[in-house]
Amino acid sequence: MVQAPAFSKRSLNAKKRNAWITGFSIGYMKQAKDKVIVDQYKLTGGTFGMIIDLGYNIGLSENLSMGFQPGFISWFLTQDDVNKA
């Protein structure tokens, strides 16, 4: 879960049909996972991190487009808590 403002920019081509989309976010990230290896436990932690997106939309018609937008998430977790469930 990310608690941060996100900024996005869309750049249209000359015909205004296709577009590049970029996104950036920096802020607080929180992670919580339930795991079972031998015993059930919950792993939680939080830190600051960032997300970067880059995508491309292809115009199929005047009101419809299809695209892809992969993203990169990076954070450095210095401490976590492990609780037995």
PDB file of N, CA and C in Angstrom:
ATOM      1  N   MET A   1       0.844  -1.166   0.000  1.00  0.00           N
ATOM      2  CA  MET A   1       0.000   0.000   0.000  1.00  0.00           C
ATOM      3  C   MET A   1       0.894   1.235   0.000  1.00  0.00           C
ATOM      4  N   VAL A   2       0.573   2.176  -0.834  1.00  0.00           N
ATOM      5  CA  VAL A   2       1.345   3.409  -0.944  1.00  0.00           C
ATOM      6  C   VAL A   2       0.479   4.570  -0.491  1.00  0.00           C
ATOM      7  N   GLN A   3       1.027   5.401   0.379  1.00  0.00           N
ATOM      8  CA  GLN A   3       0.341   6.610   0.819  1.00  0.00           C
ATOM      9  C   GLN A   3       1.169   7.795   0.351  1.00  0.00           C
ATOM     10  N   ALA A   4       0.880   8.248  -0.855  1.00  0.00           N
ATOM     11  CA  ALA A   4       1.697   9.303  -1.447  1.00  0.00           C
ATOM     12  C   ALA A   4       0.942   9.962  -2.591  1.00  0.00           C
ATOM     13  N   PRO A   5       1.277  11.221  -2.883  1.00  0.00           N
ATOM     14  CA  PRO A   5       0.707  11.840  -4.078  1.00  0.00           C
ATOM     15  C   PRO A   5       1.342  11.232  -5.324  1.00  0.00           C
ATOM     16  N   ALA A   6       0.583  11.166  -6.385  1.00  0.00           N
ATOM     17  CA  ALA A   6       1.077  10.632  -7.654  1.00  0.00           C
ATOM     18  C   ALA A   6       0.932  11.707  -8.728  1.00  0.00           C
ATOM     19  N   PHE A   7       1.924  11.806  -9.578  1.00  0.00           N
ATOM     20  CA  PHE A   7       1.923  12.777 -10.667  1.00  0.00           C
ATOM     21  C   PHE A   7       2.013  12.022 -11.986  1.00  0.00           C
ATOM     22  N   SER A   8       1.150  12.381 -12.937  1.00  0.00           N
ATOM     23  CA  SER A   8       1.131  11.724 -14.245  1.00  0.00           C
ATOM     24  C   SER A   8       1.151  12.769 -15.350  1.00  0.00           C
ATOM     25  N   LYS A   9       1.727  12.392 -16.494  1.00  0.00           N
ATOM     26  CA  LYS A   9       1.760  13.269 -17.666  1.00  0.00           C
ATOM     27  C   LYS A   9       1.437  12.441 -18.899  1.00  0.00           C
ATOM     28  N   ARG A  10       0.573  12.973 -19.740  1.00  0.00           N
ATOM     29  CA  ARG A  10       0.213  12.314 -20.994  1.00  0.00           C
ATOM     30  C   ARG A  10       0.662  13.201 -22.151  1.00  0.00           C
ATOM     31  N   SER A  11       1.431  12.630 -23.074  1.00  0.00           N
ATOM     32  CA  SER A  11       1.921  13.367 -24.241  1.00  0.00           C
ATOM     33  C   SER A  11       1.329  12.737 -25.492  1.00  0.00           C
ATOM     34  N   LEU A  12       0.445  13.466 -26.163  1.00  0.00           N
ATOM     35  CA  LEU A  12      -0.214  12.974 -27.378  1.00  0.00           C
ATOM     36  C   LEU A  12       0.688  13.155 -28.592  1.00  0.00           C
ATOM     37  N   ASN A  13       0.505  12.275 -29.586  1.00  0.00           N
ATOM     38  CA  ASN A  13       1.245  12.445 -30.835  1.00  0.00           C
ATOM     39  C   ASN A  13       0.569  13.527 -31.677  1.00  0.00           C
ATOM     40  N   ALA A  14       1.103  13.807 -32.865  1.00  0.00           N
ATOM     41  CA  ALA A  14       0.592  14.898 -33.702  1.00  0.00           C
ATOM     42  C   ALA A  14      -0.872  14.696 -34.096  1.00  0.00           C
ATOM     43  N   LYS A  15      -1.290  13.449 -34.342  1.00  0.00           N
ATOM     44  CA  LYS A  15      -2.682  13.172 -34.723  1.00  0.00           C
ATOM     45  C   LYS A  15      -3.601  13.056 -33.510  1.00  0.00           C
ATOM     46  N   LYS A  16      -3.043  13.175 -32.315  1.00  0.00           N
ATOM     47  CA  LYS A  16      -3.781  13.075 -31.051  1.00  0.00           C
ATOM     48  C   LYS A  16      -4.528  11.756 -30.923  1.00  0.00           C
ATOM     49  N   ARG A  17      -3.901  10.694 -31.413  1.00  0.00           N
ATOM     50  CA  ARG A  17      -4.520   9.369 -31.342  1.00  0.00           C
ATOM     51  C   ARG A  17      -3.768   8.446 -30.381  1.00  0.00           C
ATOM     52  N   ASN A  18      -2.441   8.504 -30.384  1.00  0.00           N
ATOM     53  CA  ASN A  18      -1.600   7.698 -29.500  1.00  0.00           C
ATOM     54  C   ASN A  18      -0.960   8.607 -28.453  1.00  0.00           C
ATOM     55  N   ALA A  19      -0.547   8.019 -27.326  1.00  0.00           N
ATOM     56  CA  ALA A  19       0.010   8.849 -26.256  1.00  0.00           C
ATOM     57  C   ALA A  19       1.014   8.084 -25.409  1.00  0.00           C
ATOM     58  N   TRP A  20       2.062   8.786 -24.992  1.00  0.00           N
ATOM     59  CA  TRP A  20       2.985   8.291 -23.974  1.00  0.00           C
ATOM     60  C   TRP A  20       2.458   8.750 -22.623  1.00  0.00           C
ATOM     61  N   ILE A  21       2.533   7.877 -21.628  1.00  0.00           N
ATOM     62  CA  ILE A  21       2.082   8.214 -20.280  1.00  0.00           C
ATOM     63  C   ILE A  21       3.230   7.935 -19.315  1.00  0.00           C
ATOM     64  N   THR A  22       3.563   8.934 -18.501  1.00  0.00           N
ATOM     65  CA  THR A  22       4.589   8.751 -17.475  1.00  0.00           C
ATOM     66  C   THR A  22       3.983   9.080 -16.117  1.00  0.00           C
ATOM     67  N   GLY A  23       4.461   8.410 -15.098  1.00  0.00           N
ATOM     68  CA  GLY A  23       3.966   8.648 -13.751  1.00  0.00           C
ATOM     69  C   GLY A  23       5.086   8.556 -12.737  1.00  0.00           C
ATOM     70  N   PHE A  24       4.928   9.287 -11.641  1.00  0.00           N
ATOM     71  CA  PHE A  24       5.935   9.305 -10.587  1.00  0.00           C
ATOM     72  C   PHE A  24       5.241   9.511  -9.250  1.00  0.00           C
ATOM     73  N   SER A  25       5.683   8.789  -8.253  1.00  0.00           N
ATOM     74  CA  SER A  25       5.135   8.929  -6.905  1.00  0.00           C
ATOM     75  C   SER A  25       6.249   8.664  -5.902  1.00  0.00           C
ATOM     76  N   ILE A  26       6.273   9.439  -4.833  1.00  0.00           N
ATOM     77  CA  ILE A  26       7.239   9.212  -3.758  1.00  0.00           C
ATOM     78  C   ILE A  26       6.517   9.448  -2.435  1.00  0.00           C
ATOM     79  N   GLY A  27       6.715   8.545  -1.491  1.00  0.00           N
ATOM     80  CA  GLY A  27       6.032   8.679  -0.213  1.00  0.00           C
ATOM     81  C   GLY A  27       6.199   7.454   0.657  1.00  0.00           C
ATOM     82  N   TYR A  28       5.279   7.264   1.591  1.00  0.00           N
ATOM     83  CA  TYR A  28       5.353   6.187   2.572  1.00  0.00           C
ATOM     84  C   TYR A  28       4.733   4.912   2.008  1.00  0.00           C
ATOM     85  N   MET A  29       5.423   3.796   2.148  1.00  0.00           N
ATOM     86  CA  MET A  29       4.933   2.500   1.685  1.00  0.00           C
ATOM     87  C   MET A  29       4.806   1.571   2.879  1.00  0.00           C
ATOM     88  N   LYS A  30       3.712   0.831   2.911  1.00  0.00           N
ATOM     89  CA  LYS A  30       3.457  -0.105   4.001  1.00  0.00           C
ATOM     90  C   LYS A  30       3.208  -1.479   3.408  1.00  0.00           C
ATOM     91  N   GLN A  31       3.754  -2.498   4.058  1.00  0.00           N
ATOM     92  CA  GLN A  31       3.576  -3.864   3.580  1.00  0.00           C
ATOM     93  C   GLN A  31       3.123  -4.741   4.734  1.00  0.00           C
ATOM     94  N   ALA A  32       2.147  -5.597   4.468  1.00  0.00           N
ATOM     95  CA  ALA A  32       1.677  -6.579   5.451  1.00  0.00           C
ATOM     96  C   ALA A  32       1.359  -7.865   4.703  1.00  0.00           C
ATOM     97  N   LYS A  33       1.946  -8.971   5.144  1.00  0.00           N
ATOM     98  CA  LYS A  33       1.729 -10.260   4.482  1.00  0.00           C
ATOM     99  C   LYS A  33       1.497 -11.335   5.524  1.00  0.00           C
ATOM    100  N   ASP A  34       0.526 -12.189   5.263  1.00  0.00           N
ATOM    101  CA  ASP A  34       0.300 -13.378   6.077  1.00  0.00           C
ATOM    102  C   ASP A  34       1.032 -14.536   5.419  1.00  0.00           C
ATOM    103  N   LYS A  35       1.857 -15.245   6.183  1.00  0.00           N
ATOM    104  CA  LYS A  35       2.650 -16.352   5.645  1.00  0.00           C
ATOM    105  C   LYS A  35       2.483 -17.596   6.500  1.00  0.00           C
ATOM    106  N   VAL A  36       2.674 -18.737   5.873  1.00  0.00           N
ATOM    107  CA  VAL A  36       2.701 -20.014   6.581  1.00  0.00           C
ATOM    108  C   VAL A  36       3.877 -20.810   6.036  1.00  0.00           C
ATOM    109  N   ILE A  37       4.872 -21.066   6.883  1.00  0.00           N
ATOM    110  CA  ILE A  37       5.969 -21.958   6.514  1.00  0.00           C
ATOM    111  C   ILE A  37       5.840 -23.209   7.375  1.00  0.00           C
ATOM    112  N   VAL A  38       6.072 -23.086   8.661  1.00  0.00           N
ATOM    113  CA  VAL A  38       5.775 -24.154   9.615  1.00  0.00           C
ATOM    114  C   VAL A  38       4.596 -23.699  10.461  1.00  0.00           C
ATOM    115  N   ASP A  39       4.720 -22.497  11.016  1.00  0.00           N
ATOM    116  CA  ASP A  39       3.638 -21.870  11.769  1.00  0.00           C
ATOM    117  C   ASP A  39       3.150 -20.659  10.986  1.00  0.00           C
ATOM    118  N   GLN A  40       1.915 -20.251  11.259  1.00  0.00           N
ATOM    119  CA  GLN A  40       1.359 -19.074  10.598  1.00  0.00           C
ATOM    120  C   GLN A  40       1.892 -17.822  11.297  1.00  0.00           C
ATOM    121  N   TYR A  41       2.311 -16.820  10.512  1.00  0.00           N
ATOM    122  CA  TYR A  41       2.783 -15.568  11.080  1.00  0.00           C
ATOM    123  C   TYR A  41       2.441 -14.423  10.140  1.00  0.00           C
ATOM    124  N   LYS A  42       2.537 -13.191  10.661  1.00  0.00           N
ATOM    125  CA  LYS A  42       2.255 -11.991   9.879  1.00  0.00           C
ATOM    126  C   LYS A  42       3.501 -11.112   9.876  1.00  0.00           C
ATOM    127  N   LEU A  43       3.910 -10.669   8.690  1.00  0.00           N
ATOM    128  CA  LEU A  43       5.078  -9.819   8.507  1.00  0.00           C
ATOM    129  C   LEU A  43       4.591  -8.421   8.140  1.00  0.00           C
ATOM    130  N   THR A  44       5.002  -7.412   8.896  1.00  0.00           N
ATOM    131  CA  THR A  44       4.603  -6.033   8.606  1.00  0.00           C
ATOM    132  C   THR A  44       5.825  -5.131   8.634  1.00  0.00           C
ATOM    133  N   GLY A  45       5.760  -4.038   7.888  1.00  0.00           N
ATOM    134  CA  GLY A  45       6.843  -3.062   7.866  1.00  0.00           C
ATOM    135  C   GLY A  45       6.450  -1.865   7.023  1.00  0.00           C
ATOM    136  N   GLY A  46       7.186  -0.787   7.169  1.00  0.00           N
ATOM    137  CA  GLY A  46       6.900   0.415   6.401  1.00  0.00           C
ATOM    138  C   GLY A  46       8.154   1.253   6.231  1.00  0.00           C
ATOM    139  N   THR A  47       8.217   2.014   5.153  1.00  0.00           N
ATOM    140  CA  THR A  47       9.369   2.860   4.859  1.00  0.00           C
ATOM    141  C   THR A  47       8.993   3.829   3.736  1.00  0.00           C
ATOM    142  N   PHE A  48       9.915   4.690   3.362  1.00  0.00           N
ATOM    143  CA  PHE A  48       9.698   5.581   2.227  1.00  0.00           C
ATOM    144  C   PHE A  48      10.185   4.907   0.953  1.00  0.00           C
ATOM    145  N   GLY A  49       9.503   5.177  -0.144  1.00  0.00           N
ATOM    146  CA  GLY A  49       9.864   4.575  -1.418  1.00  0.00           C
ATOM    147  C   GLY A  49       9.343   5.397  -2.574  1.00  0.00           C
ATOM    148  N   MET A  50       9.518   4.861  -3.786  1.00  0.00           N
ATOM    149  CA  MET A  50       9.049   5.574  -4.979  1.00  0.00           C
ATOM    150  C   MET A  50       8.526   4.595  -6.025  1.00  0.00           C
ATOM    151  N   ILE A  51       7.678   5.121  -6.895  1.00  0.00           N
ATOM    152  CA  ILE A  51       7.102   4.359  -8.001  1.00  0.00           C
ATOM    153  C   ILE A  51       7.295   5.172  -9.279  1.00  0.00           C
ATOM    154  N   ILE A  52       7.747   4.511 -10.338  1.00  0.00           N
ATOM    155  CA  ILE A  52       7.905   5.151 -11.645  1.00  0.00           C
ATOM    156  C   ILE A  52       7.162   4.304 -12.678  1.00  0.00           C
ATOM    157  N   ASP A  53       6.322   4.938 -13.494  1.00  0.00           N
ATOM    158  CA  ASP A  53       5.549   4.260 -14.540  1.00  0.00           C
ATOM    159  C   ASP A  53       5.906   4.848 -15.898  1.00  0.00           C
ATOM    160  N   LEU A  54       5.847   4.007 -16.918  1.00  0.00           N
ATOM    161  CA  LEU A  54       5.994   4.462 -18.297  1.00  0.00           C
ATOM    162  C   LEU A  54       5.078   3.605 -19.156  1.00  0.00           C
ATOM    163  N   GLY A  55       4.198   4.244 -19.910  1.00  0.00           N
ATOM    164  CA  GLY A  55       3.247   3.487 -20.713  1.00  0.00           C
ATOM    165  C   GLY A  55       2.990   4.126 -22.061  1.00  0.00           C
ATOM    166  N   TYR A  56       2.246   3.389 -22.888  1.00  0.00           N
ATOM    167  CA  TYR A  56       1.900   3.869 -24.222  1.00  0.00           C
ATOM    168  C   TYR A  56       0.480   3.440 -24.544  1.00  0.00           C
ATOM    169  N   ASN A  57      -0.344   4.375 -24.989  1.00  0.00           N
ATOM    170  CA  ASN A  57      -1.717   4.092 -25.406  1.00  0.00           C
ATOM    171  C   ASN A  57      -1.819   4.193 -26.919  1.00  0.00           C
ATOM    172  N   ILE A  58      -2.500   3.224 -27.517  1.00  0.00           N
ATOM    173  CA  ILE A  58      -2.726   3.194 -28.963  1.00  0.00           C
ATOM    174  C   ILE A  58      -4.209   3.428 -29.207  1.00  0.00           C
ATOM    175  N   GLY A  59      -4.528   4.459 -29.973  1.00  0.00           N
ATOM    176  CA  GLY A  59      -5.920   4.777 -30.268  1.00  0.00           C
ATOM    177  C   GLY A  59      -6.521   3.790 -31.248  1.00  0.00           C
ATOM    178  N   LEU A  60      -7.596   3.121 -30.835  1.00  0.00           N
ATOM    179  CA  LEU A  60      -8.290   2.176 -31.713  1.00  0.00           C
ATOM    180  C   LEU A  60      -9.426   2.851 -32.468  1.00  0.00           C
ATOM    181  N   SER A  61     -10.058   3.814 -31.841  1.00  0.00           N
ATOM    182  CA  SER A  61     -11.101   4.616 -32.476  1.00  0.00           C
ATOM    183  C   SER A  61     -11.093   5.977 -31.783  1.00  0.00           C
ATOM    184  N   GLU A  62     -12.069   6.807 -32.082  1.00  0.00           N
ATOM    185  CA  GLU A  62     -12.102   8.146 -31.492  1.00  0.00           C
ATOM    186  C   GLU A  62     -12.277   8.109 -29.972  1.00  0.00           C
ATOM    187  N   ASN A  63     -13.031   7.148 -29.463  1.00  0.00           N
ATOM    188  CA  ASN A  63     -13.316   7.082 -28.030  1.00  0.00           C
ATOM    189  C   ASN A  63     -12.755   5.852 -27.331  1.00  0.00           C
ATOM    190  N   LEU A  64     -11.863   5.110 -27.980  1.00  0.00           N
ATOM    191  CA  LEU A  64     -11.350   3.877 -27.388  1.00  0.00           C
ATOM    192  C   LEU A  64      -9.860   3.726 -27.681  1.00  0.00           C
ATOM    193  N   SER A  65      -9.103   3.403 -26.635  1.00  0.00           N
ATOM    194  CA  SER A  65      -7.674   3.142 -26.824  1.00  0.00           C
ATOM    195  C   SER A  65      -7.263   1.943 -25.988  1.00  0.00           C
ATOM    196  N   MET A  66      -6.134   1.354 -26.361  1.00  0.00           N
ATOM    197  CA  MET A  66      -5.592   0.209 -25.646  1.00  0.00           C
ATOM    198  C   MET A  66      -4.127   0.527 -25.356  1.00  0.00           C
ATOM    199  N   GLY A  67      -3.662   0.133 -24.173  1.00  0.00           N
ATOM    200  CA  GLY A  67      -2.289   0.455 -23.849  1.00  0.00           C
ATOM    201  C   GLY A  67      -1.679  -0.473 -22.825  1.00  0.00           C
ATOM    202  N   PHE A  68      -0.432  -0.223 -22.539  1.00  0.00           N
ATOM    203  CA  PHE A  68       0.299  -0.953 -21.511  1.00  0.00           C
ATOM    204  C   PHE A  68       1.076   0.076 -20.694  1.00  0.00           C
ATOM    205  N   GLN A  69       1.268  -0.220 -19.415  1.00  0.00           N
ATOM    206  CA  GLN A  69       1.957   0.718 -18.540  1.00  0.00           C
ATOM    207  C   GLN A  69       2.689  -0.037 -17.431  1.00  0.00           C
ATOM    208  N   PRO A  70       3.894  -0.530 -17.702  1.00  0.00           N
ATOM    209  CA  PRO A  70       4.655  -1.194 -16.637  1.00  0.00           C
ATOM    210  C   PRO A  70       5.172  -0.166 -15.638  1.00  0.00           C
ATOM    211  N   GLY A  71       5.367  -0.616 -14.411  1.00  0.00           N
ATOM    212  CA  GLY A  71       5.849   0.271 -13.360  1.00  0.00           C
ATOM    213  C   GLY A  71       6.996  -0.352 -12.583  1.00  0.00           C
ATOM    214  N   PHE A  72       7.756   0.482 -11.923  1.00  0.00           N
ATOM    215  CA  PHE A  72       8.889   0.064 -11.106  1.00  0.00           C
ATOM    216  C   PHE A  72       8.662   0.599  -9.699  1.00  0.00           C
ATOM    217  N   ILE A  73       8.680  -0.286  -8.702  1.00  0.00           N
ATOM    218  CA  ILE A  73       8.496   0.099  -7.306  1.00  0.00           C
ATOM    219  C   ILE A  73       9.798  -0.173  -6.567  1.00  0.00           C
ATOM    220  N   SER A  74      10.274   0.809  -5.818  1.00  0.00           N
ATOM    221  CA  SER A  74      11.526   0.652  -5.091  1.00  0.00           C
ATOM    222  C   SER A  74      11.378   1.204  -3.678  1.00  0.00           C
ATOM    223  N   TRP A  75      11.830   0.420  -2.706  1.00  0.00           N
ATOM    224  CA  TRP A  75      11.896   0.896  -1.335  1.00  0.00           C
ATOM    225  C   TRP A  75      12.941   0.095  -0.590  1.00  0.00           C
ATOM    226  N   PHE A  76      13.388   0.626   0.521  1.00  0.00           N
ATOM    227  CA  PHE A  76      14.412  -0.024   1.328  1.00  0.00           C
ATOM    228  C   PHE A  76      13.848  -0.195   2.731  1.00  0.00           C
ATOM    229  N   LEU A  77      13.508  -1.415   3.083  1.00  0.00           N
ATOM    230  CA  LEU A  77      12.908  -1.717   4.382  1.00  0.00           C
ATOM    231  C   LEU A  77      14.026  -1.983   5.381  1.00  0.00           C
ATOM    232  N   THR A  78      14.150  -1.129   6.399  1.00  0.00           N
ATOM    233  CA  THR A  78      15.226  -1.271   7.382  1.00  0.00           C
ATOM    234  C   THR A  78      14.823  -2.114   8.584  1.00  0.00           C
ATOM    235  N   GLN A  79      13.519  -2.218   8.858  1.00  0.00           N
ATOM    236  CA  GLN A  79      13.060  -2.989  10.007  1.00  0.00           C
ATOM    237  C   GLN A  79      11.671  -3.534   9.705  1.00  0.00           C
ATOM    238  N   ASP A  80      11.405  -4.753  10.175  1.00  0.00           N
ATOM    239  CA  ASP A  80      10.072  -5.320  10.025  1.00  0.00           C
ATOM    240  C   ASP A  80       9.672  -6.003  11.328  1.00  0.00           C
ATOM    241  N   ASP A  81       8.387  -6.256  11.472  1.00  0.00           N
ATOM    242  CA  ASP A  81       7.846  -6.928  12.652  1.00  0.00           C
ATOM    243  C   ASP A  81       7.261  -8.258  12.231  1.00  0.00           C
ATOM    244  N   VAL A  82       7.583  -9.308  12.987  1.00  0.00           N
ATOM    245  CA  VAL A  82       7.035 -10.635  12.732  1.00  0.00           C
ATOM    246  C   VAL A  82       6.191 -11.011  13.939  1.00  0.00           C
ATOM    247  N   ASN A  83       4.895 -11.247  13.703  1.00  0.00           N
ATOM    248  CA  ASN A  83       3.965 -11.611  14.771  1.00  0.00           C
ATOM    249  C   ASN A  83       3.358 -12.962  14.473  1.00  0.00           C
ATOM    250  N   LYS A  84       3.375 -13.840  15.454  1.00  0.00           N
ATOM    251  CA  LYS A  84       2.747 -15.144  15.303  1.00  0.00           C
ATOM    252  C   LYS A  84       1.237 -14.972  15.325  1.00  0.00           C
ATOM    253  N   ALA A  85       0.561 -15.567  14.374  1.00  0.00           N
ATOM    254  CA  ALA A  85      -0.893 -15.406  14.271  1.00  0.00           C
ATOM    255  C   ALA A  85      -1.633 -16.395  15.145  1.00  0.00           C
TER     256      ALA A  85
END
